N, C-alpha and C. Protein backbone atom coordinates (compact mmCIF):
# COMPACT_ATOMS: atom_id res chain seq x y z
N MET A 1 22.64 -80.20 -100.46
CA MET A 1 21.74 -81.24 -99.98
C MET A 1 22.54 -82.52 -99.83
N ASN A 2 22.25 -83.27 -98.78
CA ASN A 2 22.98 -84.52 -98.55
C ASN A 2 22.55 -85.58 -99.55
N GLU A 3 23.30 -86.67 -99.57
CA GLU A 3 23.03 -87.70 -100.57
C GLU A 3 21.69 -88.39 -100.37
N ALA A 4 21.23 -88.48 -99.13
CA ALA A 4 19.96 -89.16 -98.86
C ALA A 4 18.80 -88.36 -99.45
N GLY A 5 18.94 -87.03 -99.48
CA GLY A 5 17.86 -86.20 -100.00
C GLY A 5 18.20 -85.60 -101.35
N ALA A 6 19.14 -86.19 -102.10
CA ALA A 6 19.55 -85.65 -103.39
C ALA A 6 18.40 -85.75 -104.39
N TRP A 7 18.32 -84.78 -105.26
CA TRP A 7 17.26 -84.77 -106.27
C TRP A 7 17.70 -85.58 -107.48
N THR A 8 17.44 -86.85 -107.45
CA THR A 8 17.73 -87.72 -108.59
C THR A 8 16.60 -87.58 -109.60
N GLU A 9 16.81 -88.12 -110.79
CA GLU A 9 15.78 -88.05 -111.83
C GLU A 9 14.48 -88.72 -111.37
N GLU A 10 14.63 -89.85 -110.69
CA GLU A 10 13.44 -90.56 -110.23
C GLU A 10 12.67 -89.73 -109.19
N ARG A 11 13.40 -89.12 -108.26
CA ARG A 11 12.75 -88.31 -107.22
C ARG A 11 12.08 -87.08 -107.83
N VAL A 12 12.72 -86.48 -108.84
CA VAL A 12 12.13 -85.30 -109.49
C VAL A 12 10.85 -85.70 -110.22
N GLU A 13 10.85 -86.84 -110.90
CA GLU A 13 9.65 -87.31 -111.59
C GLU A 13 8.53 -87.60 -110.60
N LEU A 14 8.87 -88.22 -109.47
CA LEU A 14 7.87 -88.50 -108.45
C LEU A 14 7.32 -87.18 -107.87
N LEU A 15 8.22 -86.22 -107.68
CA LEU A 15 7.80 -84.90 -107.20
C LEU A 15 6.80 -84.27 -108.17
N LYS A 16 7.11 -84.31 -109.47
CA LYS A 16 6.22 -83.72 -110.47
C LYS A 16 4.86 -84.42 -110.46
N LYS A 17 4.87 -85.74 -110.35
CA LYS A 17 3.61 -86.50 -110.35
C LYS A 17 2.78 -86.16 -109.12
N LEU A 18 3.41 -86.17 -107.95
CA LEU A 18 2.68 -85.89 -106.71
C LEU A 18 2.17 -84.44 -106.69
N TRP A 19 2.97 -83.54 -107.23
CA TRP A 19 2.56 -82.13 -107.28
C TRP A 19 1.35 -81.97 -108.19
N SER A 20 1.37 -82.60 -109.35
CA SER A 20 0.23 -82.49 -110.27
C SER A 20 -1.00 -83.22 -109.73
N ASP A 21 -0.80 -84.22 -108.87
CA ASP A 21 -1.93 -84.90 -108.24
C ASP A 21 -2.59 -84.05 -107.16
N GLY A 22 -1.94 -82.96 -106.77
CA GLY A 22 -2.54 -82.04 -105.81
C GLY A 22 -2.10 -82.24 -104.38
N LEU A 23 -1.05 -83.02 -104.14
CA LEU A 23 -0.57 -83.19 -102.78
C LEU A 23 0.12 -81.91 -102.30
N SER A 24 0.09 -81.69 -101.01
CA SER A 24 0.75 -80.51 -100.44
C SER A 24 2.25 -80.77 -100.37
N ALA A 25 3.01 -79.71 -100.14
CA ALA A 25 4.46 -79.85 -100.05
C ALA A 25 4.84 -80.72 -98.86
N SER A 26 4.10 -80.61 -97.77
CA SER A 26 4.38 -81.45 -96.60
C SER A 26 4.13 -82.92 -96.91
N GLN A 27 3.04 -83.20 -97.62
CA GLN A 27 2.72 -84.59 -97.97
C GLN A 27 3.77 -85.16 -98.93
N ILE A 28 4.21 -84.32 -99.87
CA ILE A 28 5.24 -84.78 -100.83
C ILE A 28 6.54 -85.06 -100.09
N ALA A 29 6.92 -84.17 -99.14
CA ALA A 29 8.15 -84.38 -98.38
C ALA A 29 8.09 -85.67 -97.59
N ALA A 30 6.92 -85.97 -97.02
CA ALA A 30 6.78 -87.22 -96.27
C ALA A 30 6.86 -88.42 -97.21
N GLU A 31 6.29 -88.31 -98.39
CA GLU A 31 6.31 -89.41 -99.38
C GLU A 31 7.73 -89.67 -99.88
N LEU A 32 8.47 -88.58 -100.16
CA LEU A 32 9.83 -88.74 -100.68
C LEU A 32 10.80 -89.18 -99.58
N GLY A 33 10.60 -88.68 -98.37
CA GLY A 33 11.49 -89.01 -97.27
C GLY A 33 12.81 -88.26 -97.38
N SER A 34 13.37 -87.90 -96.24
CA SER A 34 14.66 -87.23 -96.10
C SER A 34 14.74 -85.88 -96.82
N VAL A 35 13.60 -85.25 -97.07
CA VAL A 35 13.59 -83.87 -97.57
C VAL A 35 12.56 -83.10 -96.75
N THR A 36 12.75 -81.81 -96.67
CA THR A 36 11.83 -80.98 -95.90
C THR A 36 10.78 -80.39 -96.82
N ARG A 37 9.77 -79.87 -96.21
CA ARG A 37 8.70 -79.18 -96.94
C ARG A 37 9.29 -78.00 -97.74
N ASN A 38 10.20 -77.25 -97.10
CA ASN A 38 10.82 -76.11 -97.80
C ASN A 38 11.66 -76.56 -98.99
N ALA A 39 12.32 -77.69 -98.88
CA ALA A 39 13.10 -78.21 -100.01
C ALA A 39 12.18 -78.54 -101.17
N VAL A 40 11.02 -79.10 -100.86
CA VAL A 40 10.04 -79.43 -101.91
C VAL A 40 9.55 -78.15 -102.58
N ILE A 41 9.20 -77.15 -101.77
CA ILE A 41 8.72 -75.88 -102.33
C ILE A 41 9.78 -75.24 -103.21
N GLY A 42 11.03 -75.24 -102.74
CA GLY A 42 12.13 -74.67 -103.53
C GLY A 42 12.31 -75.38 -104.85
N LYS A 43 12.27 -76.70 -104.83
CA LYS A 43 12.44 -77.48 -106.07
C LYS A 43 11.29 -77.24 -107.03
N VAL A 44 10.05 -77.12 -106.50
CA VAL A 44 8.89 -76.85 -107.34
C VAL A 44 9.06 -75.51 -108.05
N HIS A 45 9.54 -74.51 -107.31
CA HIS A 45 9.74 -73.20 -107.93
C HIS A 45 10.88 -73.22 -108.95
N ARG A 46 11.96 -73.92 -108.64
CA ARG A 46 13.06 -73.99 -109.59
C ARG A 46 12.66 -74.73 -110.86
N LEU A 47 11.79 -75.72 -110.72
CA LEU A 47 11.32 -76.46 -111.90
C LEU A 47 10.26 -75.68 -112.66
N GLY A 48 9.72 -74.65 -112.03
CA GLY A 48 8.68 -73.85 -112.69
C GLY A 48 7.34 -74.54 -112.73
N LEU A 49 7.10 -75.45 -111.81
CA LEU A 49 5.82 -76.14 -111.78
C LEU A 49 4.76 -75.18 -111.25
N SER A 50 3.61 -75.23 -111.86
CA SER A 50 2.51 -74.37 -111.39
C SER A 50 1.21 -75.09 -111.63
N GLY A 51 0.13 -74.45 -111.35
CA GLY A 51 -1.21 -74.95 -111.63
C GLY A 51 -1.38 -76.42 -111.44
N ARG A 52 -1.58 -76.84 -110.24
CA ARG A 52 -1.76 -78.27 -110.02
C ARG A 52 -3.23 -78.57 -109.83
N ALA A 53 -3.59 -79.81 -110.04
CA ALA A 53 -4.99 -80.23 -109.92
C ALA A 53 -5.37 -80.27 -108.45
N LYS A 54 -6.59 -79.90 -108.17
CA LYS A 54 -7.09 -79.98 -106.81
C LYS A 54 -7.43 -81.43 -106.50
N ASN A 55 -7.22 -81.80 -105.29
CA ASN A 55 -7.55 -83.15 -104.87
C ASN A 55 -9.07 -83.29 -104.90
N PRO A 56 -9.63 -84.25 -105.68
CA PRO A 56 -11.07 -84.34 -105.80
C PRO A 56 -11.77 -84.59 -104.48
N ALA A 57 -11.14 -85.25 -103.54
CA ALA A 57 -11.78 -85.53 -102.25
C ALA A 57 -11.98 -84.23 -101.48
N THR A 58 -11.02 -83.31 -101.53
CA THR A 58 -11.15 -82.07 -100.79
C THR A 58 -12.00 -81.05 -101.53
N ALA A 59 -12.05 -81.14 -102.84
CA ALA A 59 -12.82 -80.17 -103.61
C ALA A 59 -14.32 -80.39 -103.48
N SER A 60 -14.75 -81.66 -103.35
CA SER A 60 -16.18 -81.93 -103.31
C SER A 60 -16.78 -81.81 -101.92
N THR A 61 -15.98 -82.04 -100.87
CA THR A 61 -16.53 -81.97 -99.52
C THR A 61 -15.98 -80.75 -98.80
N PRO A 62 -16.87 -79.97 -98.22
CA PRO A 62 -16.37 -78.81 -97.48
C PRO A 62 -15.71 -79.26 -96.18
N ARG A 63 -14.88 -78.42 -95.64
CA ARG A 63 -14.18 -78.76 -94.41
C ARG A 63 -15.17 -78.83 -93.26
N ALA A 64 -15.06 -79.90 -92.51
CA ALA A 64 -15.95 -80.07 -91.37
C ALA A 64 -15.39 -79.36 -90.14
N SER A 65 -14.06 -79.13 -90.11
CA SER A 65 -13.46 -78.55 -88.93
C SER A 65 -13.72 -77.05 -88.81
N ALA A 66 -13.95 -76.37 -89.90
CA ALA A 66 -14.15 -74.92 -89.86
C ALA A 66 -15.61 -74.60 -90.14
N PRO A 67 -16.39 -74.27 -89.10
CA PRO A 67 -17.80 -73.92 -89.35
C PRO A 67 -17.91 -72.59 -90.07
N ARG A 68 -18.97 -72.46 -90.82
CA ARG A 68 -19.18 -71.21 -91.56
C ARG A 68 -19.51 -70.09 -90.59
N LYS A 69 -19.05 -68.93 -90.95
CA LYS A 69 -19.33 -67.76 -90.13
C LYS A 69 -20.75 -67.30 -90.39
N ALA A 70 -21.35 -66.74 -89.35
CA ALA A 70 -22.69 -66.19 -89.51
C ALA A 70 -22.60 -64.93 -90.36
N PRO A 71 -23.62 -64.63 -91.15
CA PRO A 71 -23.56 -63.43 -91.96
C PRO A 71 -23.45 -62.20 -91.07
N PRO A 72 -22.71 -61.19 -91.52
CA PRO A 72 -22.51 -60.01 -90.67
C PRO A 72 -23.83 -59.28 -90.44
N ARG A 73 -23.97 -58.80 -89.21
CA ARG A 73 -25.17 -58.04 -88.88
C ARG A 73 -24.82 -56.57 -88.85
N SER A 74 -25.81 -55.76 -88.86
CA SER A 74 -25.55 -54.32 -88.85
C SER A 74 -24.95 -53.96 -87.50
N PRO A 75 -23.99 -53.03 -87.48
CA PRO A 75 -23.31 -52.71 -86.24
C PRO A 75 -24.22 -51.98 -85.27
N SER A 76 -24.05 -52.30 -84.00
CA SER A 76 -24.79 -51.57 -82.98
C SER A 76 -23.83 -50.55 -82.39
N HIS A 77 -23.73 -49.45 -83.05
CA HIS A 77 -22.77 -48.41 -82.72
C HIS A 77 -23.46 -47.32 -81.92
N PRO A 78 -22.84 -46.82 -80.85
CA PRO A 78 -23.52 -45.79 -80.05
C PRO A 78 -23.74 -44.49 -80.80
N MET A 79 -23.00 -44.27 -81.88
CA MET A 79 -23.16 -43.04 -82.64
C MET A 79 -23.94 -43.30 -83.92
N SER A 80 -24.96 -44.09 -83.84
CA SER A 80 -25.72 -44.41 -85.05
C SER A 80 -26.45 -43.16 -85.52
N ASN A 81 -26.82 -43.18 -86.78
CA ASN A 81 -27.51 -42.03 -87.35
C ASN A 81 -28.88 -41.88 -86.70
N GLN A 82 -29.06 -40.81 -85.98
CA GLN A 82 -30.32 -40.54 -85.29
C GLN A 82 -31.03 -39.43 -86.04
N GLY A 83 -32.00 -39.73 -86.80
CA GLY A 83 -32.77 -38.69 -87.49
C GLY A 83 -32.32 -38.48 -88.91
N ALA A 84 -33.10 -37.69 -89.63
CA ALA A 84 -32.83 -37.49 -91.05
C ALA A 84 -31.68 -36.53 -91.29
N GLY A 85 -31.43 -35.61 -90.36
CA GLY A 85 -30.40 -34.61 -90.60
C GLY A 85 -29.01 -35.06 -90.24
N ALA A 86 -28.86 -36.26 -89.72
CA ALA A 86 -27.55 -36.71 -89.30
C ALA A 86 -26.67 -37.01 -90.51
N GLY A 87 -25.40 -36.66 -90.39
CA GLY A 87 -24.45 -36.88 -91.47
C GLY A 87 -23.96 -38.31 -91.47
N PRO A 88 -23.04 -38.65 -92.35
CA PRO A 88 -22.53 -40.01 -92.40
C PRO A 88 -21.73 -40.32 -91.13
N MET A 89 -21.81 -41.58 -90.72
CA MET A 89 -21.14 -42.00 -89.50
C MET A 89 -19.69 -42.33 -89.83
N THR A 90 -18.77 -41.92 -88.96
CA THR A 90 -17.36 -42.18 -89.16
C THR A 90 -16.98 -43.45 -88.42
N ARG A 91 -16.29 -44.35 -89.11
CA ARG A 91 -15.86 -45.61 -88.52
C ARG A 91 -14.41 -45.87 -88.90
N GLY A 92 -13.83 -46.85 -88.25
CA GLY A 92 -12.50 -47.31 -88.61
C GLY A 92 -11.41 -46.38 -88.12
N ALA A 93 -10.39 -46.21 -88.96
CA ALA A 93 -9.22 -45.45 -88.57
C ALA A 93 -9.53 -43.98 -88.34
N ASN A 94 -10.60 -43.48 -88.92
CA ASN A 94 -10.93 -42.06 -88.77
C ASN A 94 -11.98 -41.81 -87.70
N ALA A 95 -12.34 -42.82 -86.94
CA ALA A 95 -13.42 -42.67 -85.97
C ALA A 95 -13.11 -41.63 -84.91
N LEU A 96 -11.87 -41.56 -84.49
CA LEU A 96 -11.51 -40.62 -83.45
C LEU A 96 -10.83 -39.37 -84.00
N ALA A 97 -10.77 -39.23 -85.30
CA ALA A 97 -10.15 -38.05 -85.89
C ALA A 97 -10.98 -36.82 -85.57
N PRO A 98 -10.33 -35.72 -85.26
CA PRO A 98 -11.10 -34.52 -84.93
C PRO A 98 -11.86 -34.01 -86.14
N GLN A 99 -13.07 -33.58 -85.90
CA GLN A 99 -13.91 -33.01 -86.96
C GLN A 99 -13.84 -31.50 -86.83
N TYR A 100 -13.25 -30.86 -87.79
CA TYR A 100 -13.07 -29.42 -87.75
C TYR A 100 -14.22 -28.72 -88.46
N ALA A 101 -14.70 -27.69 -87.84
CA ALA A 101 -15.70 -26.85 -88.49
C ALA A 101 -14.95 -25.92 -89.44
N PRO A 102 -15.58 -25.52 -90.54
CA PRO A 102 -14.89 -24.61 -91.44
C PRO A 102 -14.50 -23.34 -90.71
N GLU A 103 -13.29 -22.91 -90.98
CA GLU A 103 -12.78 -21.73 -90.29
C GLU A 103 -13.40 -20.47 -90.88
N ILE A 104 -13.94 -19.66 -90.01
CA ILE A 104 -14.55 -18.41 -90.45
C ILE A 104 -13.51 -17.32 -90.24
N GLU A 105 -13.15 -16.69 -91.32
CA GLU A 105 -12.14 -15.65 -91.24
C GLU A 105 -12.79 -14.35 -90.82
N ALA A 106 -12.46 -13.94 -89.64
CA ALA A 106 -12.97 -12.66 -89.16
C ALA A 106 -11.84 -11.65 -89.30
N GLU A 107 -12.02 -10.72 -90.16
CA GLU A 107 -11.01 -9.69 -90.37
C GLU A 107 -11.12 -8.69 -89.24
N THR A 108 -10.19 -8.81 -88.34
CA THR A 108 -10.16 -7.87 -87.23
C THR A 108 -8.89 -7.05 -87.33
N ALA A 109 -8.91 -5.95 -86.67
CA ALA A 109 -7.74 -5.08 -86.69
C ALA A 109 -6.67 -5.72 -85.82
N ARG A 110 -5.62 -6.18 -86.45
CA ARG A 110 -4.51 -6.78 -85.73
C ARG A 110 -3.36 -5.79 -85.74
N GLU A 111 -2.52 -5.97 -84.74
CA GLU A 111 -1.35 -5.11 -84.76
C GLU A 111 -0.46 -5.58 -85.90
N PRO A 112 0.16 -4.67 -86.61
CA PRO A 112 0.98 -5.07 -87.74
C PRO A 112 2.17 -5.91 -87.28
N MET A 113 2.55 -6.84 -88.14
CA MET A 113 3.69 -7.69 -87.84
C MET A 113 4.94 -6.82 -87.76
N PRO A 114 5.79 -7.10 -86.82
CA PRO A 114 7.01 -6.31 -86.70
C PRO A 114 7.90 -6.55 -87.90
N SER A 115 8.58 -5.51 -88.30
CA SER A 115 9.48 -5.65 -89.45
C SER A 115 10.71 -6.41 -89.00
N GLU A 116 11.44 -6.95 -89.94
CA GLU A 116 12.61 -7.75 -89.65
C GLU A 116 13.75 -6.89 -89.12
N ASP A 117 13.77 -5.63 -89.48
CA ASP A 117 14.88 -4.75 -89.10
C ASP A 117 14.56 -4.03 -87.80
N VAL A 118 14.80 -4.70 -86.68
CA VAL A 118 14.61 -4.10 -85.37
C VAL A 118 15.90 -3.40 -85.01
N VAL A 119 15.76 -2.25 -84.47
CA VAL A 119 16.95 -1.52 -84.08
C VAL A 119 17.32 -1.93 -82.66
N ILE A 120 18.34 -2.77 -82.57
CA ILE A 120 18.87 -3.19 -81.28
C ILE A 120 20.29 -2.66 -81.24
N PRO A 121 20.58 -1.86 -80.24
CA PRO A 121 21.94 -1.31 -80.19
C PRO A 121 22.98 -2.43 -80.23
N PHE A 122 24.05 -2.16 -80.93
CA PHE A 122 25.10 -3.16 -81.08
C PHE A 122 25.68 -3.55 -79.74
N SER A 123 25.63 -2.63 -78.78
CA SER A 123 26.17 -2.93 -77.45
C SER A 123 25.33 -3.97 -76.71
N GLU A 124 24.04 -4.07 -77.05
CA GLU A 124 23.18 -5.06 -76.41
C GLU A 124 23.27 -6.43 -77.07
N ARG A 125 23.73 -6.47 -78.27
CA ARG A 125 23.87 -7.74 -78.97
C ARG A 125 25.01 -8.53 -78.36
N VAL A 126 24.85 -9.87 -78.36
CA VAL A 126 25.85 -10.70 -77.69
C VAL A 126 26.34 -11.81 -78.61
N THR A 127 27.56 -12.28 -78.34
CA THR A 127 28.10 -13.42 -79.08
C THR A 127 27.61 -14.69 -78.39
N ILE A 128 27.89 -15.80 -78.98
CA ILE A 128 27.46 -17.08 -78.39
C ILE A 128 28.16 -17.33 -77.06
N MET A 129 29.34 -16.78 -76.90
CA MET A 129 30.08 -16.96 -75.65
C MET A 129 29.46 -16.15 -74.52
N ASP A 130 28.81 -15.03 -74.85
CA ASP A 130 28.22 -14.16 -73.83
C ASP A 130 26.76 -14.50 -73.55
N LEU A 131 26.17 -15.38 -74.35
CA LEU A 131 24.74 -15.69 -74.24
C LEU A 131 24.43 -16.39 -72.92
N ARG A 132 23.38 -15.93 -72.23
CA ARG A 132 22.97 -16.51 -70.96
C ARG A 132 21.55 -17.03 -71.08
N GLU A 133 21.10 -17.76 -70.07
CA GLU A 133 19.79 -18.41 -70.10
C GLU A 133 18.64 -17.42 -70.26
N TYR A 134 18.73 -16.28 -69.68
CA TYR A 134 17.65 -15.28 -69.71
C TYR A 134 17.71 -14.37 -70.93
N MET A 135 18.64 -14.58 -71.84
CA MET A 135 18.83 -13.69 -73.00
C MET A 135 18.14 -14.24 -74.24
N CYS A 136 17.70 -13.34 -75.11
CA CYS A 136 17.07 -13.70 -76.37
C CYS A 136 18.09 -14.31 -77.31
N ARG A 137 17.74 -15.41 -77.92
CA ARG A 137 18.66 -16.13 -78.80
C ARG A 137 18.37 -15.89 -80.28
N TRP A 138 17.72 -14.80 -80.62
CA TRP A 138 17.40 -14.51 -82.01
C TRP A 138 18.68 -14.15 -82.75
N PRO A 139 19.01 -14.88 -83.83
CA PRO A 139 20.25 -14.60 -84.56
C PRO A 139 20.12 -13.32 -85.38
N MET A 140 21.20 -12.56 -85.42
CA MET A 140 21.21 -11.30 -86.17
C MET A 140 22.47 -11.23 -87.02
N GLY A 141 22.26 -11.08 -88.31
CA GLY A 141 23.39 -10.96 -89.22
C GLY A 141 23.74 -12.28 -89.86
N ASP A 142 24.85 -12.27 -90.55
CA ASP A 142 25.33 -13.44 -91.28
C ASP A 142 26.24 -14.26 -90.37
N PRO A 143 25.90 -15.53 -90.14
CA PRO A 143 26.71 -16.34 -89.23
C PRO A 143 28.14 -16.55 -89.69
N THR A 144 28.43 -16.29 -90.95
CA THR A 144 29.79 -16.51 -91.44
C THR A 144 30.69 -15.31 -91.22
N THR A 145 30.15 -14.20 -90.71
CA THR A 145 30.96 -13.00 -90.51
C THR A 145 31.28 -12.81 -89.02
N ALA A 146 32.24 -11.98 -88.75
CA ALA A 146 32.64 -11.70 -87.37
C ALA A 146 31.62 -10.83 -86.66
N GLU A 147 30.76 -10.13 -87.38
CA GLU A 147 29.76 -9.25 -86.79
C GLU A 147 28.50 -10.00 -86.36
N PHE A 148 28.43 -11.29 -86.56
CA PHE A 148 27.24 -12.06 -86.19
C PHE A 148 27.04 -12.04 -84.69
N ARG A 149 25.81 -11.75 -84.28
CA ARG A 149 25.47 -11.68 -82.87
C ARG A 149 24.05 -12.21 -82.65
N PHE A 150 23.67 -12.33 -81.38
CA PHE A 150 22.30 -12.66 -80.99
C PHE A 150 21.68 -11.42 -80.38
N CYS A 151 20.34 -11.38 -80.35
CA CYS A 151 19.63 -10.21 -79.85
C CYS A 151 20.09 -9.85 -78.44
N GLY A 152 20.06 -10.75 -77.51
CA GLY A 152 20.54 -10.50 -76.17
C GLY A 152 19.55 -9.80 -75.25
N GLY A 153 18.37 -9.43 -75.76
CA GLY A 153 17.37 -8.80 -74.92
C GLY A 153 16.84 -9.77 -73.87
N ARG A 154 16.04 -9.28 -72.95
CA ARG A 154 15.48 -10.12 -71.89
C ARG A 154 14.45 -11.06 -72.51
N SER A 155 14.63 -12.40 -72.36
CA SER A 155 13.72 -13.37 -72.98
C SER A 155 12.49 -13.54 -72.10
N VAL A 156 11.40 -13.94 -72.74
CA VAL A 156 10.17 -14.25 -72.03
C VAL A 156 10.41 -15.54 -71.26
N THR A 157 9.91 -15.63 -70.05
CA THR A 157 10.14 -16.80 -69.21
C THR A 157 9.68 -18.08 -69.91
N GLY A 158 10.59 -19.02 -69.99
CA GLY A 158 10.28 -20.31 -70.61
C GLY A 158 10.42 -20.31 -72.12
N MET A 159 10.84 -19.21 -72.72
CA MET A 159 11.00 -19.14 -74.17
C MET A 159 12.42 -18.66 -74.50
N PRO A 160 12.91 -19.01 -75.68
CA PRO A 160 14.26 -18.60 -76.02
C PRO A 160 14.36 -17.18 -76.58
N TYR A 161 13.22 -16.50 -76.80
CA TYR A 161 13.24 -15.20 -77.45
C TYR A 161 12.61 -14.13 -76.58
N CYS A 162 12.94 -12.88 -76.88
CA CYS A 162 12.29 -11.74 -76.24
C CYS A 162 10.85 -11.65 -76.79
N GLY A 163 10.04 -10.81 -76.22
CA GLY A 163 8.65 -10.68 -76.64
C GLY A 163 8.51 -10.34 -78.12
N TYR A 164 9.35 -9.45 -78.61
CA TYR A 164 9.30 -9.03 -80.02
C TYR A 164 9.60 -10.21 -80.95
N HIS A 165 10.71 -10.90 -80.69
CA HIS A 165 11.10 -12.00 -81.57
C HIS A 165 10.20 -13.22 -81.39
N ALA A 166 9.59 -13.39 -80.22
CA ALA A 166 8.65 -14.48 -80.02
C ALA A 166 7.42 -14.30 -80.91
N ARG A 167 6.97 -13.04 -81.10
CA ARG A 167 5.82 -12.80 -82.00
C ARG A 167 6.15 -13.16 -83.44
N ILE A 168 7.39 -12.98 -83.81
CA ILE A 168 7.81 -13.36 -85.18
C ILE A 168 7.92 -14.88 -85.30
N ALA A 169 8.54 -15.50 -84.28
CA ALA A 169 8.81 -16.94 -84.36
C ALA A 169 7.57 -17.78 -84.18
N TYR A 170 6.66 -17.36 -83.29
CA TYR A 170 5.51 -18.18 -82.96
C TYR A 170 4.24 -17.52 -83.46
N GLN A 171 3.94 -17.71 -84.73
CA GLN A 171 2.71 -17.17 -85.30
C GLN A 171 1.62 -18.24 -85.19
N PRO A 172 0.38 -17.83 -84.91
CA PRO A 172 -0.71 -18.81 -84.88
C PRO A 172 -0.86 -19.46 -86.26
N ALA A 173 -1.24 -20.74 -86.26
CA ALA A 173 -1.37 -21.49 -87.52
C ALA A 173 -2.37 -20.84 -88.45
N ALA A 174 -3.46 -20.30 -87.93
CA ALA A 174 -4.47 -19.67 -88.78
C ALA A 174 -3.88 -18.47 -89.51
N ASP A 175 -3.03 -17.69 -88.83
CA ASP A 175 -2.41 -16.54 -89.48
C ASP A 175 -1.46 -16.99 -90.58
N ARG A 176 -0.71 -18.07 -90.35
CA ARG A 176 0.21 -18.55 -91.39
C ARG A 176 -0.55 -19.01 -92.62
N ARG A 177 -1.70 -19.70 -92.40
CA ARG A 177 -2.49 -20.15 -93.55
C ARG A 177 -3.04 -18.97 -94.32
N ARG A 178 -3.50 -17.97 -93.60
CA ARG A 178 -4.04 -16.79 -94.25
C ARG A 178 -2.97 -16.08 -95.06
N ASP A 179 -1.78 -15.98 -94.50
CA ASP A 179 -0.69 -15.31 -95.21
C ASP A 179 -0.32 -16.06 -96.48
N ARG A 180 -0.31 -17.39 -96.45
CA ARG A 180 0.00 -18.16 -97.65
C ARG A 180 -1.06 -17.98 -98.73
N SER A 181 -2.33 -17.91 -98.32
CA SER A 181 -3.40 -17.77 -99.30
C SER A 181 -3.34 -16.40 -99.97
N ARG A 182 -2.90 -15.40 -99.25
CA ARG A 182 -2.75 -14.07 -99.87
C ARG A 182 -1.63 -14.07 -100.88
N VAL A 183 -0.57 -14.78 -100.61
CA VAL A 183 0.57 -14.82 -101.53
C VAL A 183 0.17 -15.52 -102.82
N ARG A 184 -0.62 -16.59 -102.74
CA ARG A 184 -1.03 -17.34 -103.94
C ARG A 184 -1.98 -16.54 -104.81
N ALA A 185 -2.83 -15.74 -104.21
CA ALA A 185 -3.85 -15.01 -104.95
C ALA A 185 -3.29 -13.89 -105.77
């Protein structure tokens, strides 16, 4: 801080008095001169000053510049509860969240999931150097060994895997949840 705004004993005492009188940091800075509002706030914190008296003039008279807000009225929402059977209305951040109906598990005869050990002739398997756009990219074997290959079968259009490996890779979410619940039980 420059010499004009140095915190002398007299200035610190005046700061303490003005702070306890309830003046704002801006008012104190103007009174002291050559210091900023932030300098006043910093010095107040370093001195550990707290709890100052409210200015009696401002405490007794309400602010004339800020009119009171009208009390809140009930919302006129287009999805208001219509009738006795209506559930609670959703508002705020969850207003547009999808409302899911409980999932009904219909046990239907599904084709069994393919086993992991598909017999693909070794001659059809390809290395990464031989892999083409239309070939299945399903990894087979241990990537750290020389025998590691990819499936190499004809891939489904727009997908990286053949039909068999696509059924393994892309399971419906409902089936995955069902499978997890069976494992826990």
